[in-house]
């Protein structure tokens, strides 16, 4: 069971970072495209965002499962506590991005581009930091 949870955890992390980076790359392609291409590219970017959010949820579920299986001993590890703080920050970034999108939809306007760009770049960067801290925590 432990191995299965680890596999889901690591695959979720890989997909989340990959989707985040793909979303950044898609955003860079927005500038030269004609207006009629925007809805399709926007839908693609929304799908990547949903994938990232789902993977973040899976990371929390499997992470809690791993802590439970480890008996909570990880809480005495300073690197783990720092990683956990970074993951909470990553979750806050995701929540802010999703709320920005939800509020824009309610208003019938596109999400604030500058805010989404900032959050979209911060997410993968913070995720990579969480990965580095996980390696240090479990080395």
N, C-alpha and C. Protein backbone atom coordinates (compact mmCIF):
# COMPACT_ATOMS: atom_id res chain seq x y z
N UNK A 1 0.82 -1.19 0.00
CA UNK A 1 0.00 0.00 0.00
C UNK A 1 0.87 1.26 0.00
N UNK A 2 1.94 1.23 0.79
CA UNK A 2 2.84 2.38 0.86
C UNK A 2 3.41 2.71 -0.52
N UNK A 3 3.81 1.68 -1.24
CA UNK A 3 4.39 1.90 -2.57
C UNK A 3 3.38 2.52 -3.52
N UNK A 4 2.13 2.06 -3.48
CA UNK A 4 1.09 2.61 -4.34
C UNK A 4 0.84 4.09 -4.03
N UNK A 5 0.79 4.43 -2.77
CA UNK A 5 0.58 5.83 -2.38
C UNK A 5 1.76 6.69 -2.85
N UNK A 6 2.98 6.18 -2.71
CA UNK A 6 4.16 6.92 -3.18
C UNK A 6 4.10 7.12 -4.69
N UNK A 7 3.72 6.09 -5.42
CA UNK A 7 3.63 6.19 -6.88
C UNK A 7 2.62 7.27 -7.27
N UNK A 8 1.45 7.25 -6.67
CA UNK A 8 0.43 8.26 -6.98
C UNK A 8 0.95 9.64 -6.60
N UNK A 9 1.63 9.74 -5.47
CA UNK A 9 2.17 11.01 -5.00
C UNK A 9 3.17 11.58 -6.00
N UNK A 10 4.13 10.75 -6.41
CA UNK A 10 5.17 11.22 -7.33
C UNK A 10 4.61 11.52 -8.71
N UNK A 11 3.71 10.69 -9.21
CA UNK A 11 3.11 10.96 -10.52
C UNK A 11 2.28 12.24 -10.49
N UNK A 12 1.56 12.47 -9.42
CA UNK A 12 0.77 13.70 -9.28
C UNK A 12 1.68 14.91 -9.29
N UNK A 13 2.80 14.79 -8.62
CA UNK A 13 3.76 15.91 -8.58
C UNK A 13 4.32 16.18 -9.97
N UNK A 14 4.70 15.13 -10.67
CA UNK A 14 5.26 15.28 -12.01
C UNK A 14 4.24 15.91 -12.96
N UNK A 15 3.02 15.43 -12.93
CA UNK A 15 1.99 15.96 -13.82
C UNK A 15 1.67 17.41 -13.47
N UNK A 16 1.59 17.72 -12.18
CA UNK A 16 1.27 19.10 -11.77
C UNK A 16 2.34 20.08 -12.25
N UNK A 17 3.61 19.74 -12.07
CA UNK A 17 4.68 20.63 -12.52
C UNK A 17 4.68 20.71 -14.05
N UNK A 18 4.51 19.58 -14.71
CA UNK A 18 4.48 19.57 -16.17
C UNK A 18 3.34 20.42 -16.72
N UNK A 19 2.16 20.29 -16.14
CA UNK A 19 1.01 21.09 -16.60
C UNK A 19 1.24 22.57 -16.33
N UNK A 20 1.86 22.88 -15.20
CA UNK A 20 2.15 24.28 -14.89
C UNK A 20 3.12 24.90 -15.88
N UNK A 21 4.16 24.16 -16.22
CA UNK A 21 5.14 24.65 -17.19
C UNK A 21 4.50 24.74 -18.58
N UNK A 22 3.68 23.75 -18.94
CA UNK A 22 2.99 23.79 -20.24
C UNK A 22 2.07 25.01 -20.32
N UNK A 23 1.45 25.36 -19.21
CA UNK A 23 0.57 26.52 -19.19
C UNK A 23 1.36 27.80 -19.40
N UNK A 24 2.54 27.88 -18.82
CA UNK A 24 3.41 29.04 -19.04
C UNK A 24 3.78 29.14 -20.52
N UNK A 25 4.15 28.03 -21.10
CA UNK A 25 4.54 28.02 -22.51
C UNK A 25 3.36 28.40 -23.40
N UNK A 26 2.17 27.91 -23.09
CA UNK A 26 0.99 28.27 -23.87
C UNK A 26 0.71 29.77 -23.74
N UNK A 27 0.90 30.31 -22.55
CA UNK A 27 0.69 31.74 -22.34
C UNK A 27 1.63 32.59 -23.17
N UNK A 28 2.82 32.12 -23.36
CA UNK A 28 3.79 32.85 -24.19
C UNK A 28 3.38 32.86 -25.65
N UNK A 29 2.56 31.91 -26.05
CA UNK A 29 2.10 31.84 -27.43
C UNK A 29 0.88 32.72 -27.69
N UNK A 30 0.31 33.29 -26.64
CA UNK A 30 -0.88 34.13 -26.80
C UNK A 30 -0.62 35.39 -27.60
N UNK A 31 0.50 36.01 -27.39
CA UNK A 31 0.77 37.34 -27.94
C UNK A 31 0.62 37.39 -29.46
N UNK A 32 1.26 36.50 -30.23
CA UNK A 32 1.19 36.66 -31.68
C UNK A 32 -0.07 36.07 -32.33
N UNK A 33 -0.93 35.43 -31.57
CA UNK A 33 -2.08 34.76 -32.16
C UNK A 33 -3.22 35.72 -32.46
N UNK A 34 -3.99 35.41 -33.50
CA UNK A 34 -5.16 36.24 -33.79
C UNK A 34 -6.25 36.02 -32.75
N UNK A 35 -7.14 36.97 -32.63
CA UNK A 35 -8.19 36.94 -31.61
C UNK A 35 -9.05 35.68 -31.69
N UNK A 36 -9.28 35.17 -32.89
CA UNK A 36 -10.14 33.98 -33.02
C UNK A 36 -9.51 32.71 -32.43
N UNK A 37 -8.20 32.72 -32.22
CA UNK A 37 -7.53 31.57 -31.62
C UNK A 37 -7.61 31.57 -30.10
N UNK A 38 -7.92 32.70 -29.51
CA UNK A 38 -7.90 32.84 -28.05
C UNK A 38 -8.84 31.88 -27.32
N UNK A 39 -10.09 31.70 -27.77
CA UNK A 39 -10.97 30.78 -27.03
C UNK A 39 -10.42 29.35 -26.95
N UNK A 40 -9.86 28.85 -28.04
CA UNK A 40 -9.32 27.49 -28.01
C UNK A 40 -8.10 27.39 -27.11
N UNK A 41 -7.21 28.36 -27.21
CA UNK A 41 -6.02 28.33 -26.36
C UNK A 41 -6.42 28.54 -24.90
N UNK A 42 -7.39 29.41 -24.67
CA UNK A 42 -7.88 29.62 -23.31
C UNK A 42 -8.47 28.36 -22.71
N UNK A 43 -9.23 27.61 -23.52
CA UNK A 43 -9.81 26.35 -23.03
C UNK A 43 -8.71 25.34 -22.71
N UNK A 44 -7.68 25.32 -23.53
CA UNK A 44 -6.54 24.42 -23.29
C UNK A 44 -5.85 24.79 -21.98
N UNK A 45 -5.65 26.10 -21.77
CA UNK A 45 -4.99 26.55 -20.54
C UNK A 45 -5.86 26.26 -19.32
N UNK A 46 -7.18 26.39 -19.47
CA UNK A 46 -8.08 26.07 -18.36
C UNK A 46 -7.99 24.58 -18.01
N UNK A 47 -7.90 23.73 -19.04
CA UNK A 47 -7.77 22.29 -18.80
C UNK A 47 -6.47 21.98 -18.06
N UNK A 48 -5.39 22.64 -18.45
CA UNK A 48 -4.12 22.45 -17.74
C UNK A 48 -4.24 22.90 -16.28
N UNK A 49 -4.93 24.00 -16.06
CA UNK A 49 -5.14 24.48 -14.70
C UNK A 49 -5.94 23.49 -13.86
N UNK A 50 -6.97 22.90 -14.47
CA UNK A 50 -7.78 21.90 -13.75
C UNK A 50 -6.95 20.67 -13.40
N UNK A 51 -6.12 20.25 -14.35
CA UNK A 51 -5.24 19.10 -14.10
C UNK A 51 -4.31 19.40 -12.93
N UNK A 52 -3.74 20.59 -12.92
CA UNK A 52 -2.84 20.99 -11.85
C UNK A 52 -3.56 20.98 -10.51
N UNK A 53 -4.78 21.52 -10.47
CA UNK A 53 -5.55 21.56 -9.22
C UNK A 53 -5.89 20.16 -8.74
N UNK A 54 -6.29 19.29 -9.65
CA UNK A 54 -6.60 17.90 -9.28
C UNK A 54 -5.35 17.22 -8.71
N UNK A 55 -4.22 17.42 -9.38
CA UNK A 55 -2.97 16.81 -8.90
C UNK A 55 -2.56 17.35 -7.53
N UNK A 56 -2.78 18.63 -7.30
CA UNK A 56 -2.47 19.20 -5.99
C UNK A 56 -3.35 18.55 -4.91
N UNK A 57 -4.61 18.34 -5.24
CA UNK A 57 -5.49 17.63 -4.30
C UNK A 57 -5.00 16.22 -4.02
N UNK A 58 -4.59 15.52 -5.08
CA UNK A 58 -4.04 14.17 -4.90
C UNK A 58 -2.77 14.19 -4.07
N UNK A 59 -1.96 15.23 -4.26
CA UNK A 59 -0.74 15.35 -3.45
C UNK A 59 -1.07 15.50 -1.97
N UNK A 60 -2.08 16.30 -1.66
CA UNK A 60 -2.48 16.45 -0.26
C UNK A 60 -3.01 15.13 0.30
N UNK A 61 -3.86 14.45 -0.46
CA UNK A 61 -4.44 13.19 0.02
C UNK A 61 -3.36 12.14 0.23
N UNK A 62 -2.50 11.97 -0.77
CA UNK A 62 -1.45 10.95 -0.64
C UNK A 62 -0.40 11.36 0.39
N UNK A 63 -0.11 12.67 0.48
CA UNK A 63 0.84 13.15 1.49
C UNK A 63 0.35 12.87 2.89
N UNK A 64 -0.92 13.12 3.14
CA UNK A 64 -1.50 12.82 4.46
C UNK A 64 -1.47 11.32 4.70
N UNK A 65 -1.74 10.54 3.65
CA UNK A 65 -1.64 9.08 3.78
C UNK A 65 -0.24 8.63 4.13
N UNK A 66 0.75 9.24 3.49
CA UNK A 66 2.15 8.88 3.79
C UNK A 66 2.52 9.25 5.22
N UNK A 67 2.06 10.40 5.67
CA UNK A 67 2.32 10.80 7.06
C UNK A 67 1.67 9.80 8.02
N UNK A 68 0.44 9.44 7.73
CA UNK A 68 -0.29 8.48 8.57
C UNK A 68 0.46 7.14 8.62
N UNK A 69 0.91 6.67 7.47
CA UNK A 69 1.64 5.39 7.43
C UNK A 69 3.00 5.48 8.12
N UNK A 70 3.59 6.68 8.12
CA UNK A 70 4.89 6.86 8.77
C UNK A 70 4.73 7.08 10.28
N UNK A 71 3.52 7.21 10.74
CA UNK A 71 3.28 7.39 12.16
C UNK A 71 3.52 8.81 12.65
N UNK A 72 3.59 9.76 11.74
CA UNK A 72 3.76 11.16 12.14
C UNK A 72 5.17 11.53 12.54
N UNK A 73 6.12 10.62 12.39
CA UNK A 73 7.51 10.89 12.79
C UNK A 73 8.13 12.03 11.98
N UNK A 74 7.59 12.31 10.81
CA UNK A 74 8.19 13.34 9.94
C UNK A 74 8.10 14.73 10.56
N UNK A 75 7.21 14.93 11.52
CA UNK A 75 7.04 16.26 12.11
C UNK A 75 8.23 16.68 12.97
N UNK A 76 9.14 15.78 13.24
CA UNK A 76 10.37 16.16 13.96
C UNK A 76 11.49 16.53 12.99
N UNK A 77 11.21 16.49 11.70
CA UNK A 77 12.19 16.79 10.66
C UNK A 77 12.00 18.24 10.21
N UNK A 78 13.00 19.07 10.48
CA UNK A 78 12.90 20.49 10.13
C UNK A 78 12.72 20.73 8.64
N UNK A 79 13.41 19.93 7.78
CA UNK A 79 13.25 20.09 6.33
C UNK A 79 11.82 19.78 5.92
N UNK A 80 11.24 18.76 6.55
CA UNK A 80 9.85 18.41 6.22
C UNK A 80 8.91 19.55 6.61
N UNK A 81 9.13 20.14 7.78
CA UNK A 81 8.27 21.24 8.21
C UNK A 81 8.38 22.43 7.26
N UNK A 82 9.59 22.70 6.79
CA UNK A 82 9.78 23.77 5.81
C UNK A 82 9.08 23.43 4.50
N UNK A 83 9.20 22.17 4.06
CA UNK A 83 8.53 21.71 2.85
C UNK A 83 7.02 21.85 3.00
N UNK A 84 6.51 21.49 4.15
CA UNK A 84 5.07 21.61 4.41
C UNK A 84 4.62 23.06 4.32
N UNK A 85 5.41 23.97 4.85
CA UNK A 85 5.08 25.40 4.76
C UNK A 85 5.06 25.86 3.30
N UNK A 86 6.01 25.38 2.52
CA UNK A 86 6.06 25.75 1.10
C UNK A 86 4.85 25.16 0.36
N UNK A 87 4.47 23.94 0.69
CA UNK A 87 3.30 23.31 0.07
C UNK A 87 2.02 24.08 0.44
N UNK A 88 1.94 24.57 1.64
CA UNK A 88 0.80 25.41 2.04
C UNK A 88 0.80 26.68 1.19
N UNK A 89 1.97 27.26 0.97
CA UNK A 89 2.08 28.43 0.09
C UNK A 89 1.66 28.10 -1.33
N UNK A 90 2.07 26.95 -1.83
CA UNK A 90 1.68 26.50 -3.16
C UNK A 90 0.16 26.34 -3.26
N UNK A 91 -0.42 25.79 -2.23
CA UNK A 91 -1.87 25.63 -2.20
C UNK A 91 -2.56 26.99 -2.21
N UNK A 92 -2.00 27.95 -1.48
CA UNK A 92 -2.57 29.31 -1.48
C UNK A 92 -2.51 29.92 -2.88
N UNK A 93 -1.41 29.70 -3.59
CA UNK A 93 -1.28 30.20 -4.97
C UNK A 93 -2.38 29.58 -5.84
N UNK A 94 -2.58 28.29 -5.70
CA UNK A 94 -3.61 27.60 -6.48
C UNK A 94 -5.01 28.13 -6.15
N UNK A 95 -5.28 28.31 -4.87
CA UNK A 95 -6.59 28.83 -4.46
C UNK A 95 -6.80 30.23 -5.02
N UNK A 96 -5.78 31.09 -4.94
CA UNK A 96 -5.91 32.44 -5.48
C UNK A 96 -6.16 32.43 -6.99
N UNK A 97 -5.45 31.58 -7.70
CA UNK A 97 -5.65 31.48 -9.15
C UNK A 97 -7.07 31.01 -9.47
N UNK A 98 -7.52 29.99 -8.76
CA UNK A 98 -8.87 29.48 -9.01
C UNK A 98 -9.94 30.50 -8.64
N UNK A 99 -9.75 31.22 -7.54
CA UNK A 99 -10.72 32.26 -7.16
C UNK A 99 -10.73 33.40 -8.17
N UNK A 100 -9.56 33.74 -8.70
CA UNK A 100 -9.48 34.79 -9.72
C UNK A 100 -10.29 34.39 -10.95
N UNK A 101 -10.16 33.14 -11.36
CA UNK A 101 -10.90 32.63 -12.52
C UNK A 101 -12.40 32.58 -12.23
N UNK A 102 -12.77 32.08 -11.07
CA UNK A 102 -14.19 31.97 -10.70
C UNK A 102 -14.83 33.35 -10.66
N UNK A 103 -14.16 34.30 -10.03
CA UNK A 103 -14.72 35.66 -9.93
C UNK A 103 -14.82 36.33 -11.30
N UNK A 104 -13.86 36.07 -12.16
CA UNK A 104 -13.91 36.65 -13.51
C UNK A 104 -15.07 36.06 -14.30
N UNK A 105 -15.28 34.76 -14.15
CA UNK A 105 -16.42 34.13 -14.85
C UNK A 105 -17.74 34.72 -14.37
N UNK A 106 -17.87 34.90 -13.06
CA UNK A 106 -19.09 35.49 -12.51
C UNK A 106 -19.32 36.89 -13.06
N UNK A 107 -18.23 37.64 -13.25
CA UNK A 107 -18.33 39.01 -13.76
C UNK A 107 -18.45 39.04 -15.27
N UNK A 108 -18.23 37.90 -15.93
CA UNK A 108 -18.30 37.85 -17.38
C UNK A 108 -17.11 38.50 -18.07
N UNK A 109 -15.99 38.53 -17.36
CA UNK A 109 -14.77 39.14 -17.91
C UNK A 109 -13.64 38.12 -17.85
N UNK A 110 -12.59 38.34 -18.63
CA UNK A 110 -11.43 37.45 -18.50
C UNK A 110 -10.71 37.71 -17.17
N UNK A 111 -10.02 36.71 -16.66
CA UNK A 111 -9.26 36.92 -15.42
C UNK A 111 -8.18 37.98 -15.63
N UNK A 112 -7.82 38.65 -14.56
CA UNK A 112 -6.76 39.66 -14.62
C UNK A 112 -5.48 39.00 -15.12
N UNK A 113 -5.03 39.43 -16.30
CA UNK A 113 -3.88 38.80 -16.96
C UNK A 113 -2.61 38.91 -16.15
N UNK A 114 -2.36 40.08 -15.57
CA UNK A 114 -1.12 40.27 -14.80
C UNK A 114 -1.11 39.38 -13.56
N UNK A 115 -2.25 39.29 -12.89
CA UNK A 115 -2.33 38.45 -11.69
C UNK A 115 -2.16 36.98 -12.06
N UNK A 116 -2.81 36.56 -13.14
CA UNK A 116 -2.71 35.17 -13.55
C UNK A 116 -1.29 34.82 -13.99
N UNK A 117 -0.62 35.76 -14.64
CA UNK A 117 0.76 35.53 -15.06
C UNK A 117 1.65 35.35 -13.83
N UNK A 118 1.48 36.21 -12.85
CA UNK A 118 2.27 36.12 -11.62
C UNK A 118 2.02 34.79 -10.91
N UNK A 119 0.75 34.44 -10.73
CA UNK A 119 0.41 33.19 -10.06
C UNK A 119 0.87 31.99 -10.88
N UNK A 120 0.70 32.09 -12.20
CA UNK A 120 1.09 30.99 -13.08
C UNK A 120 2.59 30.73 -13.10
N UNK A 121 3.38 31.77 -12.93
CA UNK A 121 4.83 31.58 -12.85
C UNK A 121 5.26 31.16 -11.45
N UNK A 122 4.58 31.68 -10.45
CA UNK A 122 4.93 31.35 -9.06
C UNK A 122 4.65 29.88 -8.74
N UNK A 123 3.56 29.35 -9.26
CA UNK A 123 3.17 27.97 -8.94
C UNK A 123 4.26 26.95 -9.23
N UNK A 124 4.71 26.83 -10.48
CA UNK A 124 5.76 25.84 -10.75
C UNK A 124 7.06 26.13 -10.01
N UNK A 125 7.40 27.39 -9.82
CA UNK A 125 8.63 27.72 -9.09
C UNK A 125 8.54 27.25 -7.65
N UNK A 126 7.41 27.49 -7.01
CA UNK A 126 7.22 27.07 -5.62
C UNK A 126 7.14 25.54 -5.55
N UNK A 127 6.54 24.92 -6.56
CA UNK A 127 6.46 23.45 -6.60
C UNK A 127 7.86 22.83 -6.69
N UNK A 128 8.73 23.41 -7.49
CA UNK A 128 10.10 22.91 -7.59
C UNK A 128 10.81 23.07 -6.25
N UNK A 129 10.59 24.20 -5.57
CA UNK A 129 11.17 24.39 -4.24
C UNK A 129 10.66 23.31 -3.28
N UNK A 130 9.38 22.99 -3.35
CA UNK A 130 8.82 21.93 -2.50
C UNK A 130 9.50 20.59 -2.79
N UNK A 131 9.75 20.33 -4.06
CA UNK A 131 10.43 19.08 -4.44
C UNK A 131 11.84 19.04 -3.88
N UNK A 132 12.56 20.14 -3.99
CA UNK A 132 13.92 20.20 -3.45
C UNK A 132 13.91 19.97 -1.94
N UNK A 133 12.97 20.60 -1.26
CA UNK A 133 12.88 20.43 0.19
C UNK A 133 12.47 19.00 0.56
N UNK A 134 11.64 18.36 -0.28
CA UNK A 134 11.27 16.96 -0.02
C UNK A 134 12.49 16.06 -0.12
N UNK A 135 13.34 16.32 -1.10
CA UNK A 135 14.57 15.53 -1.24
C UNK A 135 15.43 15.70 0.00
N UNK A 136 15.58 16.95 0.46
CA UNK A 136 16.37 17.20 1.67
C UNK A 136 15.72 16.57 2.90
N UNK A 137 14.41 16.58 2.97
CA UNK A 137 13.70 16.03 4.13
C UNK A 137 13.83 14.52 4.22
N UNK A 138 13.85 13.86 3.07
CA UNK A 138 13.82 12.40 3.07
C UNK A 138 15.11 11.78 2.56
N UNK A 139 16.20 12.52 2.68
CA UNK A 139 17.50 12.03 2.25
C UNK A 139 18.13 11.18 3.33
